Every structure is written in C-alpha cells, then in structure tokens.
C-alpha cells in the first residue's frame, strides 16, 4: 500500500520541484516586500515549494499553513488564476488547496516536513523556520523541542511543536482560527488569550 502511494505521488512531487513560479507572482511579491533581500525571497519560495510538495505527497492529509510569509506568497499566486489552476492540475490533480486549522493538523504538517527535509534533532524544516529566518513582521516562530520532559518551558511568542497538544493536557489560552487575507489565503493561526507558548497546559 505504501509503495503504491509513493508511486502515485512521485510524478506529482516532481511537478512541484520542476515548477517555476510565474514571474508576475515573484515580481509583485518582491514589490510588496521590498524589505526582503534576494536570498530571503528565495527562502520564501523554497518554503512555499515545500508546502506544495507535502500536499502532493500526502493528498488525503489536511495540512496546516505554519508560515505567515509563505501564506502571503500563496495568496499572490492565487491571484494568477490560470497559472495556479494549471499548477494544481499538474501537482495535485485537483483545482485548489486549502489549509487546516487544528493543532493536530499543524503537528502532522511538521511531521511531514521533517520527513521531507531530514535535519538534526531540534532543527526546523524550511516551512517552520522561514518567518524567523526572513524576520517577517508578525511571523510565526517555533521550537522543534523546548527540552522539557513532563513540562513545557514556555517561551513567549513561540510555539513548541514537541508539546503542541500539551504535556498530557490540551493547549491553553486560545483557539485555532483560520486567518484569511483579502484574497483568501491558506494560513491558519493560533489566537492566544494572554500570550505564552503553544504548549502551555490547560483547556482550549
């Protein structure tokens, strides 16, 4: 069964890797984010490509969108309707994608991203590190593992992915909420009541 899934997703993943984002998307995004260097823009594109690759490799999974800046890039891509439709047909065999909005979906997305980009323990894949890497305003920051065992070492403004569901308890102080921009982006986010990291204990 697993072999069949890999064979089916192989050409889809190759389509994502081989795809060149339209010049209009790249130019408009660069104009909207003039503070980003060329290297930073390439990092955003690489992280966006990783999200699309996960979607191609796991067609039945409900993925989260961990990155603010990648979601903005995807919103710009969505505006180019013909190019986006052609890309989706080649990469996913369906016309459009959307992102999930639950902690379990974020955890699954992290796991898939780790499989896509194997790294040393404690290091984050591109999709989860890009907001901090390019220093985007309002970006989402993550820890692969806070180091706590039986407790979570809270770091304000950062989500600990190791304890995303809590340490035997649920997330506290907020609720997951789908955040859409003017043009309907893919991102989801965690709304907090009172700050704290994403792995604090308590009730939802």
C-alpha atoms as a PDB file:
ATOM      1  CA  UNK A   1       0.000   0.000   0.000  1.00  0.00           C
ATOM      2  CA  UNK A   2       2.793   2.409   0.931  1.00  0.00           C
ATOM      3  CA  UNK A   3       4.661   1.601  -2.281  1.00  0.00           C
ATOM      4  CA  UNK A   4       1.549   2.389  -4.314  1.00  0.00           C
ATOM      5  CA  UNK A   5       1.204   5.755  -2.604  1.00  0.00           C
ATOM      6  CA  UNK A   6       4.827   6.646  -3.291  1.00  0.00           C
ATOM      7  CA  UNK A   7       4.465   5.700  -6.962  1.00  0.00           C
ATOM      8  CA  UNK A   8       1.346   7.813  -7.321  1.00  0.00           C
ATOM      9  CA  UNK A   9       2.855  10.835  -5.599  1.00  0.00           C
ATOM     10  CA  UNK A  10       6.244  10.633  -7.330  1.00  0.00           C
ATOM     11  CA  UNK A  11       5.263  12.458 -10.553  1.00  0.00           C
ATOM     12  CA  UNK A  12       3.243  14.969  -8.519  1.00  0.00           C
ATOM     13  CA  UNK A  13       6.216  15.810  -6.330  1.00  0.00           C
ATOM     14  CA  UNK A  14       8.423  16.059  -9.411  1.00  0.00           C
ATOM     15  CA  UNK A  15       5.913  18.507 -10.909  1.00  0.00           C
ATOM     16  CA  UNK A  16       6.215  20.702  -7.813  1.00  0.00           C
ATOM     17  CA  UNK A  17      10.014  20.564  -7.809  1.00  0.00           C
ATOM     18  CA  UNK A  18      10.259  21.362 -11.515  1.00  0.00           C
ATOM     19  CA  UNK A  19       7.715  24.178 -11.487  1.00  0.00           C
ATOM     20  CA  UNK A  20       8.886  27.769 -11.968  1.00  0.00           C
ATOM     21  CA  UNK A  21       6.657  30.234 -10.193  1.00  0.00           C
ATOM     22  CA  UNK A  22       5.314  32.830 -12.653  1.00  0.00           C
ATOM     23  CA  UNK A  23       7.483  35.913 -12.997  1.00  0.00           C
ATOM     24  CA  UNK A  24       4.437  38.085 -12.273  1.00  0.00           C
ATOM     25  CA  UNK A  25       3.943  36.365  -8.914  1.00  0.00           C
ATOM     26  CA  UNK A  26       7.579  36.763  -7.982  1.00  0.00           C
ATOM     27  CA  UNK A  27       7.787  40.384  -9.086  1.00  0.00           C
ATOM     28  CA  UNK A  28       4.587  41.503  -7.339  1.00  0.00           C
ATOM     29  CA  UNK A  29       5.548  39.674  -4.164  1.00  0.00           C
ATOM     30  CA  UNK A  30       9.016  41.268  -4.222  1.00  0.00           C
ATOM     31  CA  UNK A  31       7.472  44.724  -4.680  1.00  0.00           C
ATOM     32  CA  UNK A  32       5.113  44.150  -1.768  1.00  0.00           C
ATOM     33  CA  UNK A  33       8.019  43.018   0.401  1.00  0.00           C
ATOM     34  CA  UNK A  34      10.761  45.409  -0.556  1.00  0.00           C
ATOM     35  CA  UNK A  35      12.467  44.787   2.778  1.00  0.00           C
ATOM     36  CA  UNK A  36      13.339  41.222   1.758  1.00  0.00           C
ATOM     37  CA  UNK A  37      16.696  40.532   0.149  1.00  0.00           C
ATOM     38  CA  UNK A  38      17.131  38.263  -2.836  1.00  0.00           C
ATOM     39  CA  UNK A  39      18.242  35.439  -0.542  1.00  0.00           C
ATOM     40  CA  UNK A  40      15.192  35.969   1.664  1.00  0.00           C
ATOM     41  CA  UNK A  41      12.861  35.842  -1.340  1.00  0.00           C
ATOM     42  CA  UNK A  42      14.458  32.579  -2.427  1.00  0.00           C
ATOM     43  CA  UNK A  43      13.954  31.204   1.086  1.00  0.00           C
ATOM     44  CA  UNK A  44      10.249  32.067   0.906  1.00  0.00           C
ATOM     45  CA  UNK A  45       9.898  30.348  -2.454  1.00  0.00           C
ATOM     46  CA  UNK A  46      11.707  27.271  -1.138  1.00  0.00           C
ATOM     47  CA  UNK A  47       9.395  27.096   1.880  1.00  0.00           C
ATOM     48  CA  UNK A  48       6.315  27.529  -0.337  1.00  0.00           C
ATOM     49  CA  UNK A  49       7.583  24.760  -2.588  1.00  0.00           C
ATOM     50  CA  UNK A  50       7.978  22.536   0.466  1.00  0.00           C
ATOM     51  CA  UNK A  51       4.327  23.098   1.452  1.00  0.00           C
ATOM     52  CA  UNK A  52       3.169  22.243  -2.061  1.00  0.00           C
ATOM     53  CA  UNK A  53       5.426  19.187  -2.047  1.00  0.00           C
ATOM     54  CA  UNK A  54       3.813  17.960   1.181  1.00  0.00           C
ATOM     55  CA  UNK A  55       0.375  18.442  -0.386  1.00  0.00           C
ATOM     56  CA  UNK A  56       1.447  16.440  -3.433  1.00  0.00           C
ATOM     57  CA  UNK A  57       2.980  13.661  -1.364  1.00  0.00           C
ATOM     58  CA  UNK A  58       0.064  13.425   1.100  1.00  0.00           C
ATOM     59  CA  UNK A  59      -3.059  14.117  -0.988  1.00  0.00           C
ATOM     60  CA  UNK A  60      -5.524  12.989   1.686  1.00  0.00           C
ATOM     61  CA  UNK A  61      -3.874  14.864   4.547  1.00  0.00           C
ATOM     62  CA  UNK A  62      -5.298  18.103   5.918  1.00  0.00           C
ATOM     63  CA  UNK A  63      -2.205  20.317   6.137  1.00  0.00           C
ATOM     64  CA  UNK A  64      -1.774  23.459   8.197  1.00  0.00           C
ATOM     65  CA  UNK A  65      -0.021  26.580   6.906  1.00  0.00           C
ATOM     66  CA  UNK A  66       2.656  27.330   9.522  1.00  0.00           C
ATOM     67  CA  UNK A  67       4.158  30.425   7.871  1.00  0.00           C
ATOM     68  CA  UNK A  68       2.781  33.947   7.512  1.00  0.00           C
ATOM     69  CA  UNK A  69       5.144  34.895   4.706  1.00  0.00           C
ATOM     70  CA  UNK A  70       4.519  31.701   2.742  1.00  0.00           C
ATOM     71  CA  UNK A  71       0.783  32.260   3.035  1.00  0.00           C
ATOM     72  CA  UNK A  72       1.242  35.759   1.594  1.00  0.00           C
ATOM     73  CA  UNK A  73       3.223  34.286  -1.285  1.00  0.00           C
ATOM     74  CA  UNK A  74       0.458  31.735  -1.889  1.00  0.00           C
ATOM     75  CA  UNK A  75      -2.184  34.485  -1.867  1.00  0.00           C
ATOM     76  CA  UNK A  76      -0.258  36.266  -4.597  1.00  0.00           C
ATOM     77  CA  UNK A  77      -0.049  33.020  -6.557  1.00  0.00           C
ATOM     78  CA  UNK A  78      -3.813  32.525  -6.165  1.00  0.00           C
ATOM     79  CA  UNK A  79      -4.420  35.850  -7.913  1.00  0.00           C
ATOM     80  CA  UNK A  80      -2.883  34.400 -11.066  1.00  0.00           C
ATOM     81  CA  UNK A  81      -5.859  32.114 -11.526  1.00  0.00           C
ATOM     82  CA  UNK A  82      -4.933  30.415 -14.796  1.00  0.00           C
ATOM     83  CA  UNK A  83      -1.351  29.666 -13.757  1.00  0.00           C
ATOM     84  CA  UNK A  84      -2.466  28.482 -10.321  1.00  0.00           C
ATOM     85  CA  UNK A  85      -5.127  26.198 -11.818  1.00  0.00           C
ATOM     86  CA  UNK A  86      -2.609  24.687 -14.248  1.00  0.00           C
ATOM     87  CA  UNK A  87      -0.123  24.155 -11.417  1.00  0.00           C
ATOM     88  CA  UNK A  88      -2.726  22.484  -9.187  1.00  0.00           C
ATOM     89  CA  UNK A  89      -3.851  20.191 -12.001  1.00  0.00           C
ATOM     90  CA  UNK A  90      -0.265  19.048 -12.617  1.00  0.00           C
ATOM     91  CA  UNK A  91       0.808  18.802  -8.974  1.00  0.00           C
ATOM     92  CA  UNK A  92      -2.351  17.641  -7.209  1.00  0.00           C
ATOM     93  CA  UNK A  93      -4.843  16.570  -9.823  1.00  0.00           C
ATOM     94  CA  UNK A  94      -7.434  18.915  -8.354  1.00  0.00           C
ATOM     95  CA  UNK A  95      -8.203  22.609  -8.797  1.00  0.00           C
ATOM     96  CA  UNK A  96      -7.389  24.200  -5.449  1.00  0.00           C
ATOM     97  CA  UNK A  97      -5.999  23.682  -1.973  1.00  0.00           C
ATOM     98  CA  UNK A  98      -6.834  24.962   1.483  1.00  0.00           C
ATOM     99  CA  UNK A  99      -5.104  24.665   4.832  1.00  0.00           C
ATOM    100  CA  UNK A 100      -6.415  23.154   8.029  1.00  0.00           C
ATOM    101  CA  UNK A 101      -6.891  24.982  11.287  1.00  0.00           C
ATOM    102  CA  UNK A 102      -6.424  22.463  14.110  1.00  0.00           C
ATOM    103  CA  UNK A 103      -3.378  21.747  16.302  1.00  0.00           C
ATOM    104  CA  UNK A 104      -3.331  18.135  15.109  1.00  0.00           C
ATOM    105  CA  UNK A 105      -3.024  19.360  11.539  1.00  0.00           C
ATOM    106  CA  UNK A 106      -0.074  21.558  12.463  1.00  0.00           C
ATOM    107  CA  UNK A 107       1.584  18.589  14.171  1.00  0.00           C
ATOM    108  CA  UNK A 108       1.022  16.396  11.103  1.00  0.00           C
ATOM    109  CA  UNK A 109       2.391  19.110   8.816  1.00  0.00           C
ATOM    110  CA  UNK A 110       5.509  19.353  10.982  1.00  0.00           C
ATOM    111  CA  UNK A 111       5.992  15.592  10.846  1.00  0.00           C
ATOM    112  CA  UNK A 112       5.626  15.529   7.065  1.00  0.00           C
ATOM    113  CA  UNK A 113       8.011  18.483   6.701  1.00  0.00           C
ATOM    114  CA  UNK A 114      10.582  16.675   8.839  1.00  0.00           C
ATOM    115  CA  UNK A 115      10.303  13.678   6.519  1.00  0.00           C
ATOM    116  CA  UNK A 116      10.672  15.964   3.509  1.00  0.00           C
ATOM    117  CA  UNK A 117      13.748  17.716   4.898  1.00  0.00           C
ATOM    118  CA  UNK A 118      15.604  15.463   7.361  1.00  0.00           C
ATOM    119  CA  UNK A 119      17.602  17.560   9.813  1.00  0.00           C
ATOM    120  CA  UNK A 120      19.397  17.117  13.102  1.00  0.00           C
ATOM    121  CA  UNK A 121      17.194  16.849  16.171  1.00  0.00           C
ATOM    122  CA  UNK A 122      15.987  20.257  17.317  1.00  0.00           C
ATOM    123  CA  UNK A 123      16.306  21.912  13.897  1.00  0.00           C
ATOM    124  CA  UNK A 124      13.280  23.089  11.942  1.00  0.00           C
ATOM    125  CA  UNK A 125      12.381  22.416   8.301  1.00  0.00           C
ATOM    126  CA  UNK A 126      12.118  25.392   5.938  1.00  0.00           C
ATOM    127  CA  UNK A 127       8.362  25.844   6.258  1.00  0.00           C
ATOM    128  CA  UNK A 128       8.638  26.264  10.026  1.00  0.00           C
ATOM    129  CA  UNK A 129      11.747  28.419  10.186  1.00  0.00           C
ATOM    130  CA  UNK A 130      11.241  30.825   7.291  1.00  0.00           C
ATOM    131  CA  UNK A 131       9.260  33.514   9.178  1.00  0.00           C
ATOM    132  CA  UNK A 132      12.040  33.885  11.729  1.00  0.00           C
ATOM    133  CA  UNK A 133      14.750  33.493   9.098  1.00  0.00           C
ATOM    134  CA  UNK A 134      13.496  36.403   6.990  1.00  0.00           C
ATOM    135  CA  UNK A 135      12.355  38.403  10.055  1.00  0.00           C
ATOM    136  CA  UNK A 136       8.841  38.984   8.717  1.00  0.00           C
ATOM    137  CA  UNK A 137       6.653  41.246  10.857  1.00  0.00           C
ATOM    138  CA  UNK A 138       4.025  39.229  12.699  1.00  0.00           C
ATOM    139  CA  UNK A 139       5.663  35.970  11.676  1.00  0.00           C
ATOM    140  CA  UNK A 140       5.188  32.695  13.499  1.00  0.00           C
ATOM    141  CA  UNK A 141       8.079  31.313  15.499  1.00  0.00           C
ATOM    142  CA  UNK A 142       8.533  27.694  16.503  1.00  0.00           C
ATOM    143  CA  UNK A 143      10.707  25.417  18.571  1.00  0.00           C
ATOM    144  CA  UNK A 144      11.132  21.829  17.455  1.00  0.00           C
ATOM    145  CA  UNK A 145      11.550  20.856  21.099  1.00  0.00           C
ATOM    146  CA  UNK A 146      11.733  23.093  24.180  1.00  0.00           C
ATOM    147  CA  UNK A 147      13.726  20.425  26.027  1.00  0.00           C
ATOM    148  CA  UNK A 148      11.081  19.866  28.672  1.00  0.00           C
ATOM    149  CA  UNK A 149      10.045  16.377  29.705  1.00  0.00           C
ATOM    150  CA  UNK A 150       6.842  16.277  31.694  1.00  0.00           C
ATOM    151  CA  UNK A 151       6.603  20.058  31.417  1.00  0.00           C
ATOM    152  CA  UNK A 152       6.992  22.669  28.705  1.00  0.00           C
ATOM    153  CA  UNK A 153       9.473  25.505  29.107  1.00  0.00           C
ATOM    154  CA  UNK A 154       7.385  28.400  27.952  1.00  0.00           C
ATOM    155  CA  UNK A 155       8.879  30.956  25.582  1.00  0.00           C
ATOM    156  CA  UNK A 156       6.637  33.886  24.808  1.00  0.00           C
ATOM    157  CA  UNK A 157       5.629  34.234  21.192  1.00  0.00           C
ATOM    158  CA  UNK A 158       6.946  30.808  20.223  1.00  0.00           C
ATOM    159  CA  UNK A 159       5.080  27.551  19.623  1.00  0.00           C
ATOM    160  CA  UNK A 160       6.754  24.416  20.925  1.00  0.00           C
ATOM    161  CA  UNK A 161       5.991  21.695  18.405  1.00  0.00           C
ATOM    162  CA  UNK A 162       7.096  18.905  20.720  1.00  0.00           C
ATOM    163  CA  UNK A 163       4.292  19.741  23.138  1.00  0.00           C
ATOM    164  CA  UNK A 164       1.773  21.112  20.689  1.00  0.00           C
ATOM    165  CA  UNK A 165      -1.052  19.172  22.317  1.00  0.00           C
ATOM    166  CA  UNK A 166       0.249  19.930  25.805  1.00  0.00           C
ATOM    167  CA  UNK A 167       2.079  17.634  28.198  1.00  0.00           C
ATOM    168  CA  UNK A 168      -0.863  15.379  28.895  1.00  0.00           C
ATOM    169  CA  UNK A 169      -3.174  18.373  28.577  1.00  0.00           C
ATOM    170  CA  UNK A 170      -4.660  20.486  25.805  1.00  0.00           C
ATOM    171  CA  UNK A 171      -3.483  23.843  24.527  1.00  0.00           C
ATOM    172  CA  UNK A 172      -4.399  26.784  26.724  1.00  0.00           C
ATOM    173  CA  UNK A 173      -5.328  30.402  26.361  1.00  0.00           C
ATOM    174  CA  UNK A 174      -6.690  30.412  22.863  1.00  0.00           C
ATOM    175  CA  UNK A 175      -8.332  28.731  19.957  1.00  0.00           C
ATOM    176  CA  UNK A 176      -7.245  27.843  16.469  1.00  0.00           C
ATOM    177  CA  UNK A 177      -8.594  30.187  13.893  1.00  0.00           C
ATOM    178  CA  UNK A 178      -8.415  30.260  10.095  1.00  0.00           C
ATOM    179  CA  UNK A 179      -6.953  33.627   9.116  1.00  0.00           C
ATOM    180  CA  UNK A 180      -7.684  34.704   5.579  1.00  0.00           C
ATOM    181  CA  UNK A 181      -6.354  37.744   3.823  1.00  0.00           C
ATOM    182  CA  UNK A 182      -8.254  39.904   1.396  1.00  0.00           C
ATOM    183  CA  UNK A 183      -7.872  37.284  -1.311  1.00  0.00           C
ATOM    184  CA  UNK A 184      -8.396  34.151   0.791  1.00  0.00           C
ATOM    185  CA  UNK A 185      -5.017  32.803   1.785  1.00  0.00           C
ATOM    186  CA  UNK A 186      -4.167  29.360   3.087  1.00  0.00           C
ATOM    187  CA  UNK A 187      -2.911  30.221   6.548  1.00  0.00           C
ATOM    188  CA  UNK A 188      -4.139  29.163   9.920  1.00  0.00           C
ATOM    189  CA  UNK A 189      -3.041  30.527  13.265  1.00  0.00           C
ATOM    190  CA  UNK A 190      -3.360  30.179  16.988  1.00  0.00           C
ATOM    191  CA  UNK A 191      -5.133  33.029  18.745  1.00  0.00           C
ATOM    192  CA  UNK A 192      -3.909  33.432  22.291  1.00  0.00           C
ATOM    193  CA  UNK A 193      -5.548  34.883  25.307  1.00  0.00           C
ATOM    194  CA  UNK A 194      -2.707  36.265  27.350  1.00  0.00           C
ATOM    195  CA  UNK A 195       0.376  35.179  25.401  1.00  0.00           C
ATOM    196  CA  UNK A 196       2.611  32.251  26.174  1.00  0.00           C
ATOM    197  CA  UNK A 197       3.870  29.436  24.027  1.00  0.00           C
ATOM    198  CA  UNK A 198       1.744  26.967  22.111  1.00  0.00           C
ATOM    199  CA  UNK A 199       2.448  24.160  24.576  1.00  0.00           C
ATOM    200  CA  UNK A 200       1.165  25.659  27.813  1.00  0.00           C
ATOM    201  CA  UNK A 201      -1.156  23.377  29.727  1.00  0.00           C
ATOM    202  CA  UNK A 202      -4.822  23.946  30.391  1.00  0.00           C
ATOM    203  CA  UNK A 203      -8.064  23.841  28.436  1.00  0.00           C
ATOM    204  CA  UNK A 204      -8.832  25.053  24.976  1.00  0.00           C
END
